[in-house]
Amino acid sequence: MRFISSLLLLSSTLIACSSVSEAKTYNGAECYQCTSLERQSKANSWAMNNISKSNLGSSNSKTVHVVDLYNKEISTYKVWLESTPLPPPRPPEVAPRSSLTATSSTVQRYIEDVKSSIQSLHASAQNIEIQTGGSTGIENAWSFVNCAFCKSEINSQLNDSIYSSMRTAEASLISIGKAFGLIKTDIPDQFIIPLSSGGHIKVSLKLLSQPIKIEATINEVVDENGNIIPKNAKELADLRIRVGTISQANSINITIKNFNYFIPIRTGTVTIKDCSGINAPACGG
């Protein structure tokens, strides 16, 4: 199965993976990476859109849960509408009111499942290593420059290595999304995963909502000497990097020469040279 899978392929997994995956929905509002004031504003907006203006007063209140998946928090509000008199001849103005209240353990369980599954995913990621060489097409960290296939190769290896924990995280996110009617269910957690040839990659795993699928994005690639590898070959020119051994210098050159760049064969701090056009004679050794 591909690392990026559809909701239909997961329908039989959801019940088994989440303790609160029963078909139940709650009054939910979405607030992504927001402050407490922004969460309360979301609750007030929900009240205006979901409580009839003929049902005024706190005796007609409703409960709404504001979910912030970025911060992994659920805030519960009691909300209602009140009429505020205005100077004649203007009619009374209906405005929302809200009061923060305790979140029930049943509702809180959704976000706890998300936290637990993401923590397990982090633990799994720390125990794996992205393999390079052989049929992978990735020789080392510098192979990620201008690489069109590297993302799919990383997805494939992650799928093989931490499939179970990814599916559990995916199931918990789908469960909370369905229960509270969430649309934006991206989780921008970053995971640092070592490369077998040295260095590491930093990826984020997101549950995208349209269509629902998990996708890995490579945010950063770092080689064994701490050099951050440019994604675009055009960014190689005049880049100062650190080289630990002569063999590493040769290995880097094997990759960057494909884009007409070159580094001196020595250790220490060196500058990547542009070897195209009139600069070519300066890149011979």
Foldseek 3Di string as FASTA:
>chain_A
DFLWDFVVVCVVPLPVLAPLLPQAADAEFEDEPDDPVVQVVRVQVSQVVPPDPVDADLVPWDKYWYAHLQVLDIWIKTKGWHWACDPPPDHTDIGMDIDTDDDDPSLSSLSVQLVVLVVVVQVQQAPDAQEDDDPLCHNFLQSLAQDPCNQSSVSVVCCVRVVPSVSSNLSSLVSNCSRHVDQASFHQDWHWHHHPQAWTWIWGWTQHVVPGTIGIDTDWTAGNQGDTHDRYLVVQAFDKDFFDALVRQVVSCVRNVVVQWHWDRDGGITTIHRCPDPNVVVHPD
